[in-house]
Amino acid sequence: MWPLLFSMPARAQESTSPAPAARRESLQQSVQTLADEVKQLNATIQELRGEVQQSRQETREMRQQLNGAMEKLSATAAAAPGRTATMTAAEERTAILPPVAEADTPTEERLSRLEEDQQMLQAKVDEQHQTKVESASKYRVKLSGIALFNLFGNSGTVDNQDVPGAALPPGALATTGSVGATVRQSEIGLAVYGPQLAGARTSANVNFDFFGGFSSVTNGVTSDLVRMRTATVRLDWDRTSLVGGQDAPFFSPLSPTSFASVGYPAFAEAGNLWTWTPQLMVEHRFNPADGDVFLLQGGILDPLSGEPPYSQFYRTPQSGEQSRQPAVASRLAWAHGAAGHAVTVGVGGYYSRQNYGAGRTTDAWAATADWDAPLGRHFALSGEFYRGRALGGLGAAQGRSVVFDGSPTDPTSDLIGLNTVGGWTQLKFKPTETVEFNAAYGQENPFARDLRYAFSIPSSEYGAIAKNQNALFNVVFRPRSDLLFALEYRYLQTMQISSSPTAAGTLNLSMGVLF
């Protein structure tokens, strides 16, 4: 009885061994098997090398013997009367003895093939020693991202300490600035490469960061919440692509270069339409001439209007979604030149309908332009411009799409779509492959006459920022392709319709490792 009682826990513990242990054991067995095969191949290669050396030695000895025989034959032929030597000794030796390289070719080829096999198996062994992403399917999955550390210092009052976008009037207890550090702009991405479908290559990717807010605990600013940034599914034919998912608006594809502002793209509040939006887009490429490419894009988007969610767990429709029609957009671009050094110019358009209830509706629209042009070998100029109305859902006008002449919840208050104009431009100087300098300027201009429509409501949640300007200068150093250091200074000036302009500055040191 006692042996039976003591044996039961042991069997129970064996039956509940975790699955990861079995996988690790299987992985170790695979690595050991590959290592044994590599050892066998090494032994075979060493044997073949010995045989090749022995064969070469025998060939040299045979050649020496034949040289002696041919010299005797030539001497005999020259001494014999009435006989003419039709071939020299060298020609006779060439005719009789095949080239050494030809004799050794089969063995050399065999040796080369075995060495290639060894390299392939060694690469597989090295891969097994790395941490790999395991997929439930047979298709390849790739893990990538950046571990990014930012050290920052601000002068003045800003809207967001670690990624500032606007300068605010100082409060009653405000200090002259702040200093801090963060890693919440680090990113993690997964990409999967799927099967062929109707002649198209399928792929997908999803990207996360830690910019989703803070935990409500002591020092919660260091307990950052995971946030999904973008996720797309692609079908790519030779000239046509179908892309669905959440990404930057395809009619506003560029952003300034900055490692101080990764959680939001640089100039997100100063002329950059950027909001990662669910969308379905079709792209077609034309090649009318060598070096020229025309790109035609069109699609539908979720008609976001900039309102915050009413609940943390339940999704209620925004004003654009209450219109019951998706937003539509298109872009036409022209590129000339080799990949990586092409001049690209694009124009686009956007339209959506917004319904705020009680018969209050407005049309949102935008006309956009973008450019990216190399200027010689070391310089490049890029940027975007837009003019539109009710574009808070795309990040314009600090997220404001409309202004009311009364309380937004009062059905009798009227509204108008907020007109705005903005853009940014950047000059890049890259003297070497490892160092680049970037200088950029951006500006956002909601129309003052529209803001005055709601100016009589002091507590308006839409605020009264009439102009927001950002200027930056940074240097990026990449000693390796997977390692970077960056130093950036940014100057912010914000003008409100009811007060004098306010200014702030921020200095940011970034260190990152890409994987």
Protein backbone atom coordinates (compact mmCIF):
# COMPACT_ATOMS: atom_id res chain seq x y z
CA MET A 1 0.00 0.00 0.00
CA TRP A 2 2.74 2.53 0.92
CA PRO A 3 4.67 2.08 -2.36
CA LEU A 4 1.41 2.62 -4.22
CA LEU A 5 0.70 5.88 -2.35
CA PHE A 6 4.19 7.24 -2.92
CA SER A 7 4.16 6.35 -6.64
CA MET A 8 0.89 8.19 -7.39
CA PRO A 9 2.27 11.79 -7.06
CA ALA A 10 5.26 10.89 -9.17
CA ARG A 11 3.07 9.65 -12.04
CA ALA A 12 0.80 12.69 -11.70
CA GLN A 13 3.77 15.02 -11.93
CA GLU A 14 5.06 13.24 -15.05
CA SER A 15 1.64 13.47 -16.74
CA THR A 16 1.41 17.23 -16.18
CA SER A 17 4.78 18.14 -17.69
CA PRO A 18 4.39 21.47 -19.49
CA ALA A 19 4.26 21.51 -23.26
CA PRO A 20 7.13 24.01 -23.56
CA ALA A 21 9.50 21.44 -22.03
CA ALA A 22 8.57 18.95 -24.75
CA ARG A 23 9.12 21.57 -27.42
CA ARG A 24 12.50 22.46 -25.97
CA GLU A 25 13.46 18.79 -25.88
CA SER A 26 12.35 18.40 -29.52
CA LEU A 27 14.34 21.49 -30.48
CA GLN A 28 17.44 20.17 -28.69
CA GLN A 29 17.10 16.84 -30.50
CA SER A 30 16.85 18.65 -33.85
CA VAL A 31 19.94 20.70 -33.08
CA GLN A 32 21.84 17.60 -31.99
CA THR A 33 20.82 15.73 -35.17
CA LEU A 34 21.97 18.62 -37.35
CA ALA A 35 25.23 18.86 -35.41
CA ASP A 36 25.89 15.14 -35.96
CA GLU A 37 25.25 15.54 -39.70
CA VAL A 38 27.67 18.46 -39.81
CA LYS A 39 30.33 16.34 -38.07
CA GLN A 40 29.81 13.53 -40.60
CA LEU A 41 30.08 15.97 -43.49
CA ASN A 42 33.28 17.42 -42.03
CA ALA A 43 34.76 13.93 -41.80
CA THR A 44 33.76 13.14 -45.39
CA ILE A 45 35.25 16.41 -46.62
CA GLN A 46 38.52 15.69 -44.85
CA GLU A 47 38.68 12.24 -46.49
CA LEU A 48 37.99 13.70 -49.91
CA ARG A 49 40.65 16.34 -49.42
CA GLY A 50 43.15 13.60 -48.60
CA GLU A 51 42.14 11.67 -51.72
CA VAL A 52 42.49 14.78 -53.87
CA GLN A 53 45.97 15.50 -52.51
CA GLN A 54 47.01 11.88 -53.11
CA SER A 55 45.60 11.97 -56.64
CA ARG A 56 47.48 15.16 -57.41
CA GLN A 57 50.73 13.63 -56.12
CA GLU A 58 50.23 10.56 -58.31
CA THR A 59 49.47 12.79 -61.29
CA ARG A 60 52.70 14.73 -60.80
CA GLU A 61 54.72 11.52 -60.58
CA MET A 62 53.08 10.15 -63.73
CA ARG A 63 53.77 13.39 -65.57
CA GLN A 64 57.43 13.21 -64.63
CA GLN A 65 57.65 9.65 -65.96
CA LEU A 66 55.91 10.59 -69.20
CA ASN A 67 58.20 13.59 -69.63
CA GLY A 68 61.22 11.29 -69.40
CA ALA A 69 59.70 8.80 -71.86
CA MET A 70 58.84 11.54 -74.34
CA GLU A 71 62.35 12.99 -74.20
CA LYS A 72 63.80 9.55 -75.01
CA LEU A 73 61.29 9.12 -77.84
CA SER A 74 62.19 12.51 -79.30
CA ALA A 75 65.91 11.73 -79.16
CA THR A 76 65.34 8.39 -80.91
CA ALA A 77 63.22 10.00 -83.63
CA ALA A 78 65.83 12.66 -84.26
CA ALA A 79 68.61 10.03 -84.57
CA ALA A 80 66.64 7.81 -86.97
CA PRO A 81 67.51 8.61 -90.71
CA GLY A 82 64.68 9.65 -93.05
CA ARG A 83 62.23 10.23 -90.23
CA THR A 84 60.58 13.59 -89.61
CA ALA A 85 59.16 14.53 -86.25
CA THR A 86 55.68 15.85 -86.88
CA MET A 87 54.99 16.85 -83.25
CA THR A 88 57.09 18.45 -80.61
CA ALA A 89 57.50 16.76 -77.26
CA ALA A 90 55.15 19.24 -75.63
CA GLU A 91 52.46 18.62 -78.28
CA GLU A 92 52.79 14.84 -77.84
CA ARG A 93 52.52 15.15 -74.10
CA THR A 94 49.41 17.32 -74.51
CA ALA A 95 47.85 14.79 -76.85
CA ILE A 96 48.62 11.82 -74.64
CA LEU A 97 48.02 13.28 -71.19
CA PRO A 98 44.66 14.95 -70.40
CA PRO A 99 44.80 18.18 -68.40
CA VAL A 100 45.09 17.73 -64.67
CA ALA A 101 42.14 20.06 -64.09
CA GLU A 102 39.88 17.86 -66.21
CA ALA A 103 41.00 14.77 -64.36
CA ASP A 104 40.31 16.41 -61.03
CA THR A 105 37.04 18.09 -62.01
CA PRO A 106 34.58 15.46 -60.76
CA THR A 107 36.26 15.31 -57.36
CA GLU A 108 36.46 19.12 -57.11
CA GLU A 109 32.80 19.46 -57.95
CA ARG A 110 31.92 16.84 -55.43
CA LEU A 111 33.97 18.58 -52.79
CA SER A 112 32.36 21.92 -53.63
CA ARG A 113 28.89 20.47 -53.33
CA LEU A 114 29.69 18.94 -49.97
CA GLU A 115 31.08 22.24 -48.70
CA GLU A 116 27.90 24.01 -49.81
CA ASP A 117 25.82 21.39 -48.00
CA GLN A 118 27.93 21.91 -44.91
CA GLN A 119 27.40 25.66 -45.02
CA MET A 120 23.66 25.19 -45.42
CA LEU A 121 23.45 22.80 -42.49
CA GLN A 122 25.64 25.06 -40.38
CA ALA A 123 23.28 27.94 -41.13
CA LYS A 124 20.35 25.81 -40.04
CA VAL A 125 22.14 24.94 -36.81
CA ASP A 126 22.81 28.64 -36.18
CA GLU A 127 19.13 29.42 -36.77
CA GLN A 128 18.11 26.80 -34.23
CA HIS A 129 20.32 28.50 -31.64
CA GLN A 130 18.41 31.77 -32.16
CA THR A 131 14.99 32.54 -30.70
CA LYS A 132 12.52 32.07 -33.54
CA VAL A 133 8.86 32.96 -33.92
CA GLU A 134 6.83 29.77 -34.25
CA SER A 135 3.78 29.90 -36.48
CA ALA A 136 0.79 27.58 -36.44
CA SER A 137 0.99 27.53 -40.24
CA LYS A 138 3.88 26.57 -42.50
CA TYR A 139 4.42 30.15 -43.67
CA ARG A 140 7.30 32.35 -42.60
CA VAL A 141 6.81 34.81 -39.75
CA LYS A 142 9.22 37.67 -39.05
CA LEU A 143 9.65 39.55 -35.78
CA SER A 144 10.97 43.10 -35.95
CA GLY A 145 10.90 46.32 -33.98
CA ILE A 146 12.97 48.86 -32.10
CA ALA A 147 13.92 49.20 -28.46
CA LEU A 148 14.01 53.00 -28.10
CA PHE A 149 15.13 55.08 -25.12
CA ASN A 150 14.35 58.81 -25.03
CA LEU A 151 15.84 61.30 -22.58
CA PHE A 152 14.14 64.70 -22.79
CA GLY A 153 14.11 68.16 -21.28
CA ASN A 154 11.46 70.86 -21.87
CA SER A 155 11.43 74.59 -21.35
CA GLY A 156 7.98 76.13 -21.00
CA THR A 157 4.61 74.35 -20.75
CA VAL A 158 3.70 71.71 -23.34
CA ASP A 159 0.66 69.51 -23.94
CA ASN A 160 2.56 66.21 -23.67
CA GLN A 161 5.83 66.02 -21.76
CA ASP A 162 7.69 63.29 -23.66
CA VAL A 163 6.23 63.93 -27.16
CA PRO A 164 5.15 67.58 -27.16
CA GLY A 165 3.07 68.98 -30.01
CA ALA A 166 1.86 72.37 -28.78
CA ALA A 167 2.93 75.08 -26.34
CA LEU A 168 0.32 76.00 -23.70
CA PRO A 169 -0.15 79.04 -21.46
CA PRO A 170 1.44 78.41 -18.05
CA GLY A 171 -0.91 77.53 -15.22
CA ALA A 172 -1.00 79.06 -11.78
CA LEU A 173 1.45 76.46 -10.40
CA ALA A 174 3.42 75.89 -13.59
CA THR A 175 7.23 75.72 -13.46
CA THR A 176 9.68 76.82 -16.14
CA GLY A 177 10.09 73.32 -17.61
CA SER A 178 10.54 69.61 -16.98
CA VAL A 179 12.91 66.71 -17.54
CA GLY A 180 12.32 62.97 -17.84
CA ALA A 181 12.91 59.75 -19.76
CA THR A 182 10.80 57.06 -21.37
CA VAL A 183 10.93 53.83 -23.36
CA ARG A 184 7.24 53.77 -24.25
CA GLN A 185 7.94 54.68 -27.88
CA SER A 186 9.56 51.27 -28.44
CA GLU A 187 7.84 49.19 -31.12
CA ILE A 188 7.22 45.51 -31.86
CA GLY A 189 6.10 44.23 -35.25
CA LEU A 190 5.13 40.89 -36.75
CA ALA A 191 5.02 40.15 -40.48
CA VAL A 192 3.78 36.96 -42.12
CA TYR A 193 4.29 35.93 -45.74
CA GLY A 194 1.44 33.78 -46.96
CA PRO A 195 0.60 31.68 -50.03
CA GLN A 196 -0.08 32.72 -53.61
CA LEU A 197 -3.72 33.53 -54.29
CA ALA A 198 -4.98 34.11 -57.84
CA GLY A 199 -1.46 35.06 -58.85
CA ALA A 200 -1.01 37.49 -55.95
CA ARG A 201 1.57 37.34 -53.17
CA THR A 202 -0.17 37.54 -49.79
CA SER A 203 1.34 39.11 -46.69
CA ALA A 204 0.27 40.78 -43.47
CA ASN A 205 1.80 42.76 -40.63
CA VAL A 206 0.81 44.15 -37.25
CA ASN A 207 2.71 46.71 -35.15
CA PHE A 208 2.45 47.60 -31.47
CA ASP A 209 4.03 50.08 -29.09
CA PHE A 210 3.62 51.03 -25.43
CA PHE A 211 1.98 54.41 -26.01
CA GLY A 212 -1.52 53.39 -24.93
CA GLY A 213 -1.59 55.30 -21.65
CA PHE A 214 -0.52 54.64 -18.08
CA SER A 215 -1.58 52.33 -15.30
CA SER A 216 -3.48 53.98 -12.43
CA VAL A 217 -0.86 53.04 -9.84
CA THR A 218 1.98 54.79 -8.06
CA ASN A 219 4.57 55.85 -10.64
CA GLY A 220 2.22 54.57 -13.33
CA VAL A 221 4.12 56.58 -15.95
CA THR A 222 6.60 53.69 -16.00
CA SER A 223 3.84 51.07 -16.42
CA ASP A 224 2.99 51.79 -20.04
CA LEU A 225 0.04 50.12 -21.75
CA VAL A 226 0.35 48.27 -25.05
CA ARG A 227 -1.30 49.93 -28.05
CA MET A 228 -1.90 48.66 -31.56
CA ARG A 229 -0.55 51.12 -34.13
CA THR A 230 -1.07 49.60 -37.57
CA ALA A 231 -2.14 46.28 -39.08
CA THR A 232 -2.53 45.50 -42.79
CA VAL A 233 -3.24 42.58 -45.09
CA ARG A 234 -1.85 42.78 -48.65
CA LEU A 235 -2.39 41.04 -51.98
CA ASP A 236 0.29 42.10 -54.45
CA TRP A 237 0.22 41.37 -58.18
CA ASP A 238 2.85 42.66 -60.61
CA ARG A 239 1.11 46.00 -61.18
CA THR A 240 -1.83 45.99 -58.76
CA SER A 241 -2.14 45.75 -54.98
CA LEU A 242 -5.12 45.35 -52.66
CA VAL A 243 -4.44 46.55 -49.10
CA GLY A 244 -6.83 46.38 -46.15
CA GLY A 245 -6.21 47.29 -42.55
CA GLN A 246 -5.32 50.20 -40.30
CA ASP A 247 -2.56 52.48 -41.54
CA ALA A 248 -1.66 56.12 -42.23
CA PRO A 249 -4.00 57.72 -44.81
CA PHE A 250 -2.73 56.59 -48.21
CA PHE A 251 -3.32 60.08 -49.63
CA SER A 252 -0.98 61.54 -46.95
CA PRO A 253 1.88 59.00 -46.95
CA LEU A 254 4.89 60.96 -45.59
CA SER A 255 6.11 62.16 -42.19
CA PRO A 256 9.22 64.07 -41.07
CA THR A 257 12.22 62.09 -39.82
CA SER A 258 12.30 62.06 -36.02
CA PHE A 259 13.19 59.54 -33.33
CA ALA A 260 12.02 61.95 -30.64
CA SER A 261 8.45 61.62 -31.92
CA VAL A 262 7.57 58.01 -32.75
CA GLY A 263 4.49 57.43 -30.60
CA TYR A 264 2.88 60.04 -32.85
CA PRO A 265 4.52 61.11 -36.12
CA ALA A 266 6.39 64.38 -36.00
CA PHE A 267 4.21 67.49 -36.54
CA ALA A 268 1.07 65.49 -35.75
CA GLU A 269 -0.45 68.76 -34.45
CA ALA A 270 1.34 71.08 -36.87
CA GLY A 271 0.45 70.24 -40.46
CA ASN A 272 0.73 66.44 -40.71
CA LEU A 273 -2.40 64.41 -41.54
CA TRP A 274 -1.45 61.12 -39.94
CA THR A 275 -4.22 59.32 -38.00
CA TRP A 276 -3.90 55.56 -38.45
CA THR A 277 -7.28 54.78 -39.98
CA PRO A 278 -9.05 51.52 -40.96
CA GLN A 279 -9.17 51.55 -44.76
CA LEU A 280 -9.42 49.42 -47.90
CA MET A 281 -7.27 50.62 -50.80
CA VAL A 282 -6.58 49.50 -54.39
CA GLU A 283 -3.35 50.58 -56.04
CA HIS A 284 -2.37 50.28 -59.71
CA ARG A 285 1.01 51.12 -61.26
CA PHE A 286 1.63 52.29 -64.84
CA ASN A 287 4.99 52.41 -66.63
CA PRO A 288 4.50 54.59 -69.71
CA ALA A 289 8.26 55.06 -70.22
CA ASP A 290 11.57 53.88 -68.83
CA GLY A 291 12.19 55.45 -65.44
CA ASP A 292 8.64 56.81 -65.12
CA VAL A 293 5.95 55.29 -62.89
CA PHE A 294 2.40 56.55 -62.37
CA LEU A 295 0.62 55.38 -59.24
CA LEU A 296 -3.18 55.46 -59.01
CA GLN A 297 -4.72 54.77 -55.59
CA GLY A 298 -8.32 54.77 -54.47
CA GLY A 299 -10.28 53.40 -51.57
CA ILE A 300 -12.67 53.79 -48.68
CA LEU A 301 -11.89 54.68 -45.06
CA ASP A 302 -13.62 54.66 -41.70
CA PRO A 303 -15.10 58.21 -41.56
CA LEU A 304 -13.50 59.20 -38.25
CA SER A 305 -14.39 62.67 -36.97
CA GLY A 306 -12.06 63.05 -33.96
CA GLU A 307 -14.44 62.48 -31.04
CA PRO A 308 -13.13 60.46 -28.09
CA PRO A 309 -14.91 57.18 -27.25
CA TYR A 310 -17.83 57.45 -24.87
CA SER A 311 -16.84 54.21 -23.15
CA GLN A 312 -13.63 52.35 -22.50
CA PHE A 313 -15.15 49.00 -23.41
CA TYR A 314 -18.04 49.67 -25.81
CA ARG A 315 -17.77 51.36 -29.18
CA THR A 316 -20.45 53.85 -30.14
CA PRO A 317 -20.53 55.49 -33.57
CA GLN A 318 -18.76 58.78 -34.16
CA SER A 319 -20.44 61.51 -36.16
CA GLY A 320 -18.85 60.35 -39.38
CA GLU A 321 -19.94 56.77 -38.82
CA GLN A 322 -23.48 57.94 -38.05
CA SER A 323 -23.70 59.22 -41.62
CA ARG A 324 -23.88 55.57 -42.71
CA GLN A 325 -21.46 56.06 -45.57
CA PRO A 326 -17.70 55.48 -45.67
CA ALA A 327 -15.16 58.14 -46.46
CA VAL A 328 -13.69 57.98 -49.98
CA ALA A 329 -10.25 59.09 -51.11
CA SER A 330 -7.87 58.88 -54.06
CA ARG A 331 -4.29 59.79 -54.91
CA LEU A 332 -2.35 60.12 -58.17
CA ALA A 333 1.45 60.10 -57.95
CA TRP A 334 4.30 60.29 -60.44
CA ALA A 335 7.80 58.98 -59.79
CA HIS A 336 10.86 59.37 -61.98
CA GLY A 337 14.27 57.82 -61.44
CA ALA A 338 15.83 54.77 -59.87
CA ALA A 339 14.40 53.27 -56.68
CA GLY A 340 15.70 55.08 -53.63
CA HIS A 341 16.62 58.17 -55.66
CA ALA A 342 13.34 58.87 -57.44
CA VAL A 343 11.53 62.17 -57.58
CA THR A 344 7.95 61.56 -56.37
CA VAL A 345 5.07 64.03 -56.55
CA GLY A 346 1.48 63.19 -55.58
CA VAL A 347 -1.92 64.86 -55.30
CA GLY A 348 -4.95 63.50 -53.47
CA GLY A 349 -8.50 64.12 -52.38
CA TYR A 350 -10.74 63.06 -49.48
CA TYR A 351 -14.46 63.29 -48.72
CA SER A 352 -16.76 62.12 -45.93
CA ARG A 353 -20.11 63.03 -44.40
CA GLN A 354 -20.66 63.77 -40.69
CA ASN A 355 -23.99 63.61 -38.85
CA TYR A 356 -24.26 65.16 -35.38
CA GLY A 357 -27.96 64.46 -34.88
CA ALA A 358 -31.00 66.75 -34.87
CA GLY A 359 -30.51 67.32 -38.59
CA ARG A 360 -27.02 68.82 -38.11
CA THR A 361 -24.65 67.57 -40.80
CA THR A 362 -21.50 68.79 -42.50
CA ASP A 363 -19.21 67.65 -45.31
CA ALA A 364 -15.57 66.87 -44.56
CA TRP A 365 -13.10 67.24 -47.43
CA ALA A 366 -9.41 67.70 -48.12
CA ALA A 367 -7.15 68.41 -51.09
CA THR A 368 -3.58 67.22 -50.54
CA ALA A 369 -0.16 67.37 -52.17
CA ASP A 370 3.06 65.55 -51.29
CA TRP A 371 6.59 65.55 -52.64
CA ASP A 372 9.90 63.77 -52.09
CA ALA A 373 12.80 64.86 -54.29
CA PRO A 374 16.55 64.17 -54.07
CA LEU A 375 18.72 67.25 -54.60
CA GLY A 376 22.00 65.85 -55.80
CA ARG A 377 23.78 63.05 -53.99
CA HIS A 378 23.49 64.30 -50.40
CA PHE A 379 20.32 66.38 -50.11
CA ALA A 380 16.59 65.62 -50.30
CA LEU A 381 13.48 67.77 -49.95
CA SER A 382 10.14 66.31 -48.83
CA GLY A 383 6.85 67.55 -47.47
CA GLU A 384 3.07 67.73 -47.61
CA PHE A 385 0.36 70.38 -47.89
CA TYR A 386 -3.41 70.24 -47.41
CA ARG A 387 -6.48 72.44 -47.38
CA GLY A 388 -9.76 71.13 -46.05
CA ARG A 389 -12.65 71.20 -43.64
CA ALA A 390 -13.83 69.06 -40.69
CA LEU A 391 -10.59 67.03 -40.66
CA GLY A 392 -10.28 66.36 -36.94
CA GLY A 393 -10.56 62.62 -37.59
CA LEU A 394 -7.31 62.76 -39.59
CA GLY A 395 -5.42 64.67 -36.88
CA ALA A 396 -5.94 68.21 -38.15
CA ALA A 397 -6.88 71.19 -35.95
CA GLN A 398 -5.97 69.32 -32.72
CA GLY A 399 -8.70 66.75 -33.43
CA ARG A 400 -11.52 69.28 -33.96
CA SER A 401 -13.86 68.81 -36.92
CA VAL A 402 -16.67 71.28 -36.12
CA VAL A 403 -17.46 74.18 -33.82
CA PHE A 404 -20.88 74.92 -32.24
CA ASP A 405 -22.49 78.23 -31.40
CA GLY A 406 -23.80 76.66 -28.20
CA SER A 407 -23.49 73.47 -26.20
CA PRO A 408 -22.74 70.47 -28.42
CA THR A 409 -25.39 68.46 -26.54
CA ASP A 410 -28.08 71.08 -27.15
CA PRO A 411 -30.11 70.09 -30.25
CA THR A 412 -30.87 73.76 -30.93
CA SER A 413 -27.19 74.78 -31.20
CA ASP A 414 -25.89 75.08 -34.73
CA LEU A 415 -22.52 74.01 -36.09
CA ILE A 416 -20.10 74.66 -38.93
CA GLY A 417 -17.24 72.56 -40.27
CA LEU A 418 -13.88 73.95 -39.14
CA ASN A 419 -11.82 75.06 -42.13
CA THR A 420 -8.09 74.52 -41.85
CA VAL A 421 -4.90 74.68 -43.89
CA GLY A 422 -1.55 73.18 -43.03
CA GLY A 423 1.57 71.42 -44.13
CA TRP A 424 5.22 70.75 -43.47
CA THR A 425 8.52 70.50 -45.33
CA GLN A 426 11.87 68.90 -44.52
CA LEU A 427 15.40 69.27 -45.87
CA LYS A 428 17.63 66.23 -45.37
CA PHE A 429 21.42 66.31 -45.63
CA LYS A 430 23.19 62.95 -45.65
CA PRO A 431 26.96 63.41 -46.08
CA THR A 432 27.74 59.74 -45.35
CA GLU A 433 25.86 56.46 -45.08
CA THR A 434 25.95 56.65 -41.27
CA VAL A 435 25.11 60.30 -40.54
CA GLU A 436 22.18 62.49 -41.58
CA PHE A 437 20.91 65.95 -40.61
CA ASN A 438 17.25 66.97 -40.82
CA ALA A 439 15.69 70.41 -40.60
CA ALA A 440 11.88 70.67 -40.80
CA TYR A 441 9.07 73.15 -40.27
CA GLY A 442 5.31 72.55 -39.94
CA GLN A 443 2.24 74.70 -39.40
CA GLU A 444 -1.46 74.18 -38.76
CA ASN A 445 -3.95 77.04 -39.32
CA PRO A 446 -7.60 76.57 -38.28
CA PHE A 447 -9.53 79.55 -39.62
CA ALA A 448 -9.98 82.28 -37.01
CA ARG A 449 -13.41 83.28 -38.37
CA ASP A 450 -14.67 79.74 -37.71
CA LEU A 451 -13.21 79.70 -34.20
CA ARG A 452 -14.96 82.96 -33.39
CA TYR A 453 -18.22 81.19 -34.20
CA ALA A 454 -17.81 79.34 -30.89
CA PHE A 455 -15.67 81.88 -29.07
CA SER A 456 -18.60 83.04 -26.93
CA ILE A 457 -18.54 79.67 -25.12
CA PRO A 458 -15.55 79.95 -22.69
CA SER A 459 -15.83 76.31 -21.61
CA SER A 460 -15.85 74.95 -25.15
CA GLU A 461 -14.05 71.62 -25.29
CA TYR A 462 -12.77 72.47 -28.76
CA GLY A 463 -10.42 75.22 -27.58
CA ALA A 464 -9.36 78.24 -29.65
CA ILE A 465 -5.90 77.46 -31.12
CA ALA A 466 -5.69 79.49 -34.32
CA LYS A 467 -2.12 78.58 -35.32
CA ASN A 468 0.38 75.97 -34.21
CA GLN A 469 3.97 76.00 -35.47
CA ASN A 470 6.74 73.43 -34.96
CA ALA A 471 10.36 73.59 -36.11
CA LEU A 472 12.96 70.89 -35.52
CA PHE A 473 16.58 70.13 -36.18
CA ASN A 474 18.08 66.71 -35.55
CA VAL A 475 21.14 64.63 -36.28
CA VAL A 476 20.89 60.85 -36.63
CA PHE A 477 23.97 58.62 -36.34
CA ARG A 478 23.80 54.97 -37.41
CA PRO A 479 27.16 53.26 -36.78
CA ARG A 480 25.44 50.01 -37.78
CA SER A 481 22.23 49.27 -39.60
CA ASP A 482 20.67 48.02 -36.35
CA LEU A 483 21.97 50.73 -34.00
CA LEU A 484 21.12 54.44 -33.88
CA PHE A 485 21.71 57.58 -31.84
CA ALA A 486 19.82 60.83 -32.40
CA LEU A 487 19.80 64.31 -30.91
CA GLU A 488 16.89 66.66 -31.66
CA TYR A 489 15.84 70.15 -30.69
CA ARG A 490 12.28 71.30 -31.37
CA TYR A 491 10.76 74.75 -31.00
CA LEU A 492 6.99 75.13 -30.59
CA GLN A 493 4.89 78.27 -30.87
CA THR A 494 1.12 78.19 -30.41
CA MET A 495 -1.28 81.08 -30.91
CA GLN A 496 -4.74 81.13 -29.37
CA ILE A 497 -7.41 83.48 -30.58
CA SER A 498 -7.97 84.91 -27.11
CA SER A 499 -4.39 85.30 -25.85
CA SER A 500 -0.85 86.12 -26.89
CA PRO A 501 1.36 83.43 -28.45
CA THR A 502 3.08 80.92 -26.16
CA ALA A 503 6.39 79.19 -26.89
CA ALA A 504 8.29 76.16 -25.63
CA GLY A 505 11.37 74.18 -26.50
CA THR A 506 12.35 70.55 -26.10
CA LEU A 507 15.68 68.71 -26.36
CA ASN A 508 15.61 64.94 -26.88
CA LEU A 509 18.39 62.34 -26.90
CA SER A 510 17.42 58.99 -28.45
CA MET A 511 19.19 55.63 -28.40
CA GLY A 512 17.74 52.63 -30.20
CA VAL A 513 18.48 49.09 -31.27
CA LEU A 514 16.53 47.69 -34.21
CA PHE A 515 15.77 43.98 -34.42
